Amino acid sequence: MFYSGGTLIIDHGQGISSTFIHLSKILVALGQEVETGQPIAEVGATGRATGPHLDWRMSWFNQRIDPQLLVPPMPE
């Protein structure tokens, strides 16, 4: 994954998945169930990135969806 660097995909079920890219470190293992609030990775600048940031994408089957439609506002 040259362009995305460290990549983590979480399957939420019902055809919904989250993809996190440019990660510096992944803290969970393949097949592991994760809990709300559990750290899953560390933000990084891997792959084709100009600086540390998190790129979070969500999909419903083959359709990209805006994560802001599914989660409450994030704390600052």
PDB file of N, CA and C in Angstrom:
ATOM      1  N   MET A   1       0.848  -1.173   0.000  1.00  0.00           N
ATOM      2  CA  MET A   1       0.000   0.000   0.000  1.00  0.00           C
ATOM      3  C   MET A   1       0.895   1.238   0.000  1.00  0.00           C
ATOM      4  N   PHE A   2       1.550   1.452  -1.105  1.00  0.00           N
ATOM      5  CA  PHE A   2       2.508   2.544  -1.239  1.00  0.00           C
ATOM      6  C   PHE A   2       1.893   3.904  -0.932  1.00  0.00           C
ATOM      7  N   TYR A   3       0.741   4.207  -1.506  1.00  0.00           N
ATOM      8  CA  TYR A   3       0.138   5.534  -1.344  1.00  0.00           C
ATOM      9  C   TYR A   3      -0.513   5.732   0.018  1.00  0.00           C
ATOM     10  N   SER A   4      -1.125   4.693   0.570  1.00  0.00           N
ATOM     11  CA  SER A   4      -1.850   4.855   1.831  1.00  0.00           C
ATOM     12  C   SER A   4      -0.993   4.577   3.059  1.00  0.00           C
ATOM     13  N   GLY A   5       0.143   3.938   2.897  1.00  0.00           N
ATOM     14  CA  GLY A   5       1.006   3.638   4.040  1.00  0.00           C
ATOM     15  C   GLY A   5       0.320   2.699   5.007  1.00  0.00           C
ATOM     16  N   GLY A   6       0.541   2.920   6.304  1.00  0.00           N
ATOM     17  CA  GLY A   6      -0.084   2.076   7.320  1.00  0.00           C
ATOM     18  C   GLY A   6      -1.594   2.153   7.223  1.00  0.00           C
ATOM     19  N   THR A   7      -2.228   1.024   6.965  1.00  0.00           N
ATOM     20  CA  THR A   7      -3.671   0.981   6.703  1.00  0.00           C
ATOM     21  C   THR A   7      -4.357  -0.008   7.636  1.00  0.00           C
ATOM     22  N   LEU A   8      -5.495   0.407   8.172  1.00  0.00           N
ATOM     23  CA  LEU A   8      -6.307  -0.445   9.028  1.00  0.00           C
ATOM     24  C   LEU A   8      -7.743  -0.370   8.545  1.00  0.00           C
ATOM     25  N   ILE A   9      -8.367  -1.525   8.344  1.00  0.00           N
ATOM     26  CA  ILE A   9      -9.773  -1.585   7.940  1.00  0.00           C
ATOM     27  C   ILE A   9     -10.547  -2.302   9.032  1.00  0.00           C
ATOM     28  N   ILE A  10     -11.618  -1.660   9.485  1.00  0.00           N
ATOM     29  CA  ILE A  10     -12.486  -2.264  10.502  1.00  0.00           C
ATOM     30  C   ILE A  10     -13.830  -2.579   9.862  1.00  0.00           C
ATOM     31  N   ASP A  11     -14.255  -3.829  10.005  1.00  0.00           N
ATOM     32  CA  ASP A  11     -15.556  -4.280   9.514  1.00  0.00           C
ATOM     33  C   ASP A  11     -16.558  -4.118  10.642  1.00  0.00           C
ATOM     34  N   HIS A  12     -17.515  -3.217  10.472  1.00  0.00           N
ATOM     35  CA  HIS A  12     -18.527  -2.958  11.498  1.00  0.00           C
ATOM     36  C   HIS A  12     -19.744  -3.875  11.363  1.00  0.00           C
ATOM     37  N   GLY A  13     -19.804  -4.656  10.293  1.00  0.00           N
ATOM     38  CA  GLY A  13     -20.972  -5.485  10.024  1.00  0.00           C
ATOM     39  C   GLY A  13     -21.997  -4.715   9.201  1.00  0.00           C
ATOM     40  N   GLN A  14     -23.003  -5.377   8.723  1.00  0.00           N
ATOM     41  CA  GLN A  14     -24.078  -4.763   7.928  1.00  0.00           C
ATOM     42  C   GLN A  14     -23.530  -4.058   6.686  1.00  0.00           C
ATOM     43  N   GLY A  15     -22.358  -4.484   6.190  1.00  0.00           N
ATOM     44  CA  GLY A  15     -21.761  -3.898   4.995  1.00  0.00           C
ATOM     45  C   GLY A  15     -21.003  -2.604   5.242  1.00  0.00           C
ATOM     46  N   ILE A  16     -20.874  -2.177   6.495  1.00  0.00           N
ATOM     47  CA  ILE A  16     -20.191  -0.922   6.812  1.00  0.00           C
ATOM     48  C   ILE A  16     -18.756  -1.213   7.244  1.00  0.00           C
ATOM     49  N   SER A  17     -17.814  -0.471   6.671  1.00  0.00           N
ATOM     50  CA  SER A  17     -16.414  -0.605   7.061  1.00  0.00           C
ATOM     51  C   SER A  17     -15.773   0.775   7.163  1.00  0.00           C
ATOM     52  N   SER A  18     -14.777   0.870   8.037  1.00  0.00           N
ATOM     53  CA  SER A  18     -13.970   2.082   8.191  1.00  0.00           C
ATOM     54  C   SER A  18     -12.563   1.759   7.745  1.00  0.00           C
ATOM     55  N   THR A  19     -11.945   2.682   7.022  1.00  0.00           N
ATOM     56  CA  THR A  19     -10.554   2.545   6.609  1.00  0.00           C
ATOM     57  C   THR A  19      -9.786   3.736   7.145  1.00  0.00           C
ATOM     58  N   PHE A  20      -8.688   3.465   7.820  1.00  0.00           N
ATOM     59  CA  PHE A  20      -7.817   4.501   8.371  1.00  0.00           C
ATOM     60  C   PHE A  20      -6.461   4.350   7.686  1.00  0.00           C
ATOM     61  N   ILE A  21      -5.930   5.453   7.111  1.00  0.00           N
ATOM     62  CA  ILE A  21      -4.659   5.336   6.394  1.00  0.00           C
ATOM     63  C   ILE A  21      -3.648   6.378   6.872  1.00  0.00           C
ATOM     64  N   HIS A  22      -2.403   6.161   6.484  1.00  0.00           N
ATOM     65  CA  HIS A  22      -1.234   6.975   6.847  1.00  0.00           C
ATOM     66  C   HIS A  22      -0.814   6.738   8.300  1.00  0.00           C
ATOM     67  N   LEU A  23      -1.192   5.611   8.880  1.00  0.00           N
ATOM     68  CA  LEU A  23      -0.929   5.321  10.289  1.00  0.00           C
ATOM     69  C   LEU A  23       0.554   5.011  10.536  1.00  0.00           C
ATOM     70  N   SER A  24       1.060   5.443  11.688  1.00  0.00           N
ATOM     71  CA  SER A  24       2.444   5.138  12.048  1.00  0.00           C
ATOM     72  C   SER A  24       2.544   3.798  12.768  1.00  0.00           C
ATOM     73  N   LYS A  25       1.467   3.393  13.447  1.00  0.00           N
ATOM     74  CA  LYS A  25       1.485   2.140  14.203  1.00  0.00           C
ATOM     75  C   LYS A  25       0.057   1.612  14.341  1.00  0.00           C
ATOM     76  N   ILE A  26      -0.120   0.326  14.109  1.00  0.00           N
ATOM     77  CA  ILE A  26      -1.420  -0.317  14.283  1.00  0.00           C
ATOM     78  C   ILE A  26      -1.381  -1.093  15.600  1.00  0.00           C
ATOM     79  N   LEU A  27      -2.362  -0.877  16.454  1.00  0.00           N
ATOM     80  CA  LEU A  27      -2.362  -1.427  17.817  1.00  0.00           C
ATOM     81  C   LEU A  27      -3.271  -2.638  17.997  1.00  0.00           C
ATOM     82  N   VAL A  28      -3.928  -3.091  16.936  1.00  0.00           N
ATOM     83  CA  VAL A  28      -4.816  -4.256  17.010  1.00  0.00           C
ATOM     84  C   VAL A  28      -4.366  -5.301  16.006  1.00  0.00           C
ATOM     85  N   ALA A  29      -4.834  -6.528  16.188  1.00  0.00           N
ATOM     86  CA  ALA A  29      -4.442  -7.640  15.325  1.00  0.00           C
ATOM     87  C   ALA A  29      -5.597  -8.058  14.421  1.00  0.00           C
ATOM     88  N   LEU A  30      -5.260  -8.705  13.337  1.00  0.00           N
ATOM     89  CA  LEU A  30      -6.245  -9.225  12.398  1.00  0.00           C
ATOM     90  C   LEU A  30      -7.231 -10.126  13.130  1.00  0.00           C
ATOM     91  N   GLY A  31      -8.528  -9.866  12.951  1.00  0.00           N
ATOM     92  CA  GLY A  31      -9.571 -10.679  13.575  1.00  0.00           C
ATOM     93  C   GLY A  31      -9.942 -10.282  14.985  1.00  0.00           C
ATOM     94  N   GLN A  32      -9.201  -9.367  15.570  1.00  0.00           N
ATOM     95  CA  GLN A  32      -9.477  -8.924  16.944  1.00  0.00           C
ATOM     96  C   GLN A  32     -10.733  -8.068  16.988  1.00  0.00           C
ATOM     97  N   GLU A  33     -11.591  -8.313  17.974  1.00  0.00           N
ATOM     98  CA  GLU A  33     -12.739  -7.438  18.192  1.00  0.00           C
ATOM     99  C   GLU A  33     -12.288  -6.253  19.017  1.00  0.00           C
ATOM    100  N   VAL A  34     -12.780  -5.062  18.655  1.00  0.00           N
ATOM    101  CA  VAL A  34     -12.402  -3.854  19.380  1.00  0.00           C
ATOM    102  C   VAL A  34     -13.623  -3.249  20.055  1.00  0.00           C
ATOM    103  N   GLU A  35     -13.366  -2.537  21.129  1.00  0.00           N
ATOM    104  CA  GLU A  35     -14.429  -1.908  21.911  1.00  0.00           C
ATOM    105  C   GLU A  35     -14.439  -0.405  21.662  1.00  0.00           C
ATOM    106  N   THR A  36     -15.576   0.233  21.870  1.00  0.00           N
ATOM    107  CA  THR A  36     -15.688   1.682  21.766  1.00  0.00           C
ATOM    108  C   THR A  36     -14.676   2.329  22.701  1.00  0.00           C
ATOM    109  N   GLY A  37     -13.923   3.284  22.172  1.00  0.00           N
ATOM    110  CA  GLY A  37     -12.937   4.005  22.965  1.00  0.00           C
ATOM    111  C   GLY A  37     -11.566   3.352  23.033  1.00  0.00           C
ATOM    112  N   GLN A  38     -11.442   2.146  22.525  1.00  0.00           N
ATOM    113  CA  GLN A  38     -10.162   1.439  22.547  1.00  0.00           C
ATOM    114  C   GLN A  38      -9.216   2.034  21.500  1.00  0.00           C
ATOM    115  N   PRO A  39      -7.977   2.354  21.867  1.00  0.00           N
ATOM    116  CA  PRO A  39      -7.012   2.810  20.862  1.00  0.00           C
ATOM    117  C   PRO A  39      -6.767   1.692  19.844  1.00  0.00           C
ATOM    118  N   ILE A  40      -6.796   2.044  18.566  1.00  0.00           N
ATOM    119  CA  ILE A  40      -6.593   1.051  17.516  1.00  0.00           C
ATOM    120  C   ILE A  40      -5.345   1.317  16.689  1.00  0.00           C
ATOM    121  N   ALA A  41      -4.872   2.578  16.695  1.00  0.00           N
ATOM    122  CA  ALA A  41      -3.705   2.926  15.887  1.00  0.00           C
ATOM    123  C   ALA A  41      -3.179   4.292  16.320  1.00  0.00           C
ATOM    124  N   GLU A  42      -2.008   4.637  15.755  1.00  0.00           N
ATOM    125  CA  GLU A  42      -1.422   5.948  15.994  1.00  0.00           C
ATOM    126  C   GLU A  42      -1.335   6.702  14.671  1.00  0.00           C
ATOM    127  N   VAL A  43      -1.674   7.985  14.702  1.00  0.00           N
ATOM    128  CA  VAL A  43      -1.631   8.832  13.514  1.00  0.00           C
ATOM    129  C   VAL A  43      -0.201   8.909  13.010  1.00  0.00           C
ATOM    130  N   GLY A  44      -0.045   8.974  11.698  1.00  0.00           N
ATOM    131  CA  GLY A  44       1.289   9.052  11.137  1.00  0.00           C
ATOM    132  C   GLY A  44       1.334   9.820   9.837  1.00  0.00           C
ATOM    133  N   ALA A  45       2.433   9.630   9.123  1.00  0.00           N
ATOM    134  CA  ALA A  45       2.642  10.280   7.830  1.00  0.00           C
ATOM    135  C   ALA A  45       3.228   9.272   6.854  1.00  0.00           C
ATOM    136  N   THR A  46       2.759   8.021   6.932  1.00  0.00           N
ATOM    137  CA  THR A  46       3.274   6.969   6.060  1.00  0.00           C
ATOM    138  C   THR A  46       2.577   7.035   4.707  1.00  0.00           C
ATOM    139  N   GLY A  47       3.174   6.366   3.727  1.00  0.00           N
ATOM    140  CA  GLY A  47       2.615   6.399   2.386  1.00  0.00           C
ATOM    141  C   GLY A  47       2.853   7.763   1.759  1.00  0.00           C
ATOM    142  N   ARG A  48       1.976   8.157   0.894  1.00  0.00           N
ATOM    143  CA  ARG A  48       2.112   9.451   0.222  1.00  0.00           C
ATOM    144  C   ARG A  48       1.383  10.509   1.046  1.00  0.00           C
ATOM    145  N   ALA A  49       2.094  11.080   2.004  1.00  0.00           N
ATOM    146  CA  ALA A  49       1.527  12.084   2.904  1.00  0.00           C
ATOM    147  C   ALA A  49       2.550  13.200   3.079  1.00  0.00           C
ATOM    148  N   THR A  50       2.086  14.417   3.246  1.00  0.00           N
ATOM    149  CA  THR A  50       2.988  15.551   3.416  1.00  0.00           C
ATOM    150  C   THR A  50       3.229  15.880   4.883  1.00  0.00           C
ATOM    151  N   GLY A  51       2.525  15.225   5.791  1.00  0.00           N
ATOM    152  CA  GLY A  51       2.705  15.438   7.213  1.00  0.00           C
ATOM    153  C   GLY A  51       1.763  14.527   7.976  1.00  0.00           C
ATOM    154  N   PRO A  52       1.935  14.420   9.287  1.00  0.00           N
ATOM    155  CA  PRO A  52       1.086  13.552  10.094  1.00  0.00           C
ATOM    156  C   PRO A  52      -0.380  13.985  10.043  1.00  0.00           C
ATOM    157  N   HIS A  53      -1.241  13.055   9.770  1.00  0.00           N
ATOM    158  CA  HIS A  53      -2.683  13.305   9.770  1.00  0.00           C
ATOM    159  C   HIS A  53      -3.404  11.963   9.703  1.00  0.00           C
ATOM    160  N   LEU A  54      -4.702  11.991   9.931  1.00  0.00           N
ATOM    161  CA  LEU A  54      -5.521  10.786   9.823  1.00  0.00           C
ATOM    162  C   LEU A  54      -6.469  10.935   8.653  1.00  0.00           C
ATOM    163  N   ASP A  55      -6.473   9.956   7.802  1.00  0.00           N
ATOM    164  CA  ASP A  55      -7.420   9.897   6.691  1.00  0.00           C
ATOM    165  C   ASP A  55      -8.391   8.774   7.037  1.00  0.00           C
ATOM    166  N   TRP A  56      -9.646   9.136   7.339  1.00  0.00           N
ATOM    167  CA  TRP A  56     -10.668   8.169   7.760  1.00  0.00           C
ATOM    168  C   TRP A  56     -11.740   8.117   6.686  1.00  0.00           C
ATOM    169  N   ARG A  57     -11.953   6.949   6.167  1.00  0.00           N
ATOM    170  CA  ARG A  57     -12.965   6.741   5.126  1.00  0.00           C
ATOM    171  C   ARG A  57     -13.944   5.686   5.601  1.00  0.00           C
ATOM    172  N   MET A  58     -15.197   5.842   5.195  1.00  0.00           N
ATOM    173  CA  MET A  58     -16.197   4.820   5.512  1.00  0.00           C
ATOM    174  C   MET A  58     -16.897   4.407   4.225  1.00  0.00           C
ATOM    175  N   SER A  59     -17.281   3.149   4.203  1.00  0.00           N
ATOM    176  CA  SER A  59     -17.997   2.611   3.048  1.00  0.00           C
ATOM    177  C   SER A  59     -19.168   1.775   3.528  1.00  0.00           C
ATOM    178  N   TRP A  60     -20.211   1.793   2.727  1.00  0.00           N
ATOM    179  CA  TRP A  60     -21.343   0.896   2.910  1.00  0.00           C
ATOM    180  C   TRP A  60     -21.398   0.068   1.643  1.00  0.00           C
ATOM    181  N   PHE A  61     -20.988  -1.183   1.753  1.00  0.00           N
ATOM    182  CA  PHE A  61     -20.741  -2.058   0.608  1.00  0.00           C
ATOM    183  C   PHE A  61     -19.754  -1.336  -0.314  1.00  0.00           C
ATOM    184  N   ASN A  62     -20.113  -0.971  -1.523  1.00  0.00           N
ATOM    185  CA  ASN A  62     -19.182  -0.320  -2.455  1.00  0.00           C
ATOM    186  C   ASN A  62     -19.367   1.183  -2.533  1.00  0.00           C
ATOM    187  N   GLN A  63     -20.183   1.754  -1.654  1.00  0.00           N
ATOM    188  CA  GLN A  63     -20.445   3.201  -1.679  1.00  0.00           C
ATOM    189  C   GLN A  63     -19.683   3.896  -0.569  1.00  0.00           C
ATOM    190  N   ARG A  64     -18.959   4.946  -0.900  1.00  0.00           N
ATOM    191  CA  ARG A  64     -18.302   5.759   0.128  1.00  0.00           C
ATOM    192  C   ARG A  64     -19.358   6.598   0.828  1.00  0.00           C
ATOM    193  N   ILE A  65     -19.246   6.727   2.138  1.00  0.00           N
ATOM    194  CA  ILE A  65     -20.172   7.561   2.909  1.00  0.00           C
ATOM    195  C   ILE A  65     -19.375   8.496   3.819  1.00  0.00           C
ATOM    196  N   ASP A  66     -19.968   9.605   4.193  1.00  0.00           N
ATOM    197  CA  ASP A  66     -19.336  10.597   5.046  1.00  0.00           C
ATOM    198  C   ASP A  66     -19.420  10.125   6.493  1.00  0.00           C
ATOM    199  N   PRO A  67     -18.268   9.907   7.171  1.00  0.00           N
ATOM    200  CA  PRO A  67     -18.311   9.442   8.566  1.00  0.00           C
ATOM    201  C   PRO A  67     -19.094  10.378   9.492  1.00  0.00           C
ATOM    202  N   GLN A  68     -19.133  11.664   9.179  1.00  0.00           N
ATOM    203  CA  GLN A  68     -19.853  12.618  10.035  1.00  0.00           C
ATOM    204  C   GLN A  68     -21.351  12.330  10.092  1.00  0.00           C
ATOM    205  N   LEU A  69     -21.871  11.585   9.128  1.00  0.00           N
ATOM    206  CA  LEU A  69     -23.284  11.227   9.131  1.00  0.00           C
ATOM    207  C   LEU A  69     -23.597  10.138  10.154  1.00  0.00           C
ATOM    208  N   LEU A  70     -22.587   9.419  10.622  1.00  0.00           N
ATOM    209  CA  LEU A  70     -22.805   8.241  11.462  1.00  0.00           C
ATOM    210  C   LEU A  70     -22.293   8.368  12.897  1.00  0.00           C
ATOM    211  N   VAL A  71     -21.511   9.385  13.171  1.00  0.00           N
ATOM    212  CA  VAL A  71     -20.934   9.517  14.508  1.00  0.00           C
ATOM    213  C   VAL A  71     -21.243  10.900  15.081  1.00  0.00           C
ATOM    214  N   PRO A  72     -21.245  11.020  16.396  1.00  0.00           N
ATOM    215  CA  PRO A  72     -21.462  12.350  16.994  1.00  0.00           C
ATOM    216  C   PRO A  72     -20.237  13.239  16.764  1.00  0.00           C
ATOM    217  N   PRO A  73     -20.364  14.536  17.024  1.00  0.00           N
ATOM    218  CA  PRO A  73     -19.221  15.427  16.851  1.00  0.00           C
ATOM    219  C   PRO A  73     -18.017  14.973  17.684  1.00  0.00           C
ATOM    220  N   MET A  74     -16.835  15.159  17.138  1.00  0.00           N
ATOM    221  CA  MET A  74     -15.599  14.762  17.816  1.00  0.00           C
ATOM    222  C   MET A  74     -15.157  15.857  18.786  1.00  0.00           C
ATOM    223  N   PRO A  75     -14.570  15.459  19.908  1.00  0.00           N
ATOM    224  CA  PRO A  75     -14.050  16.478  20.833  1.00  0.00           C
ATOM    225  C   PRO A  75     -12.845  17.171  20.205  1.00  0.00           C
ATOM    226  N   GLU A  76     -12.640  18.415  20.573  1.00  0.00           N
ATOM    227  CA  GLU A  76     -11.503  19.153  20.014  1.00  0.00           C
ATOM    228  C   GLU A  76     -10.286  19.018  20.855  1.00  0.00           C
TER     229      GLU A  76
END
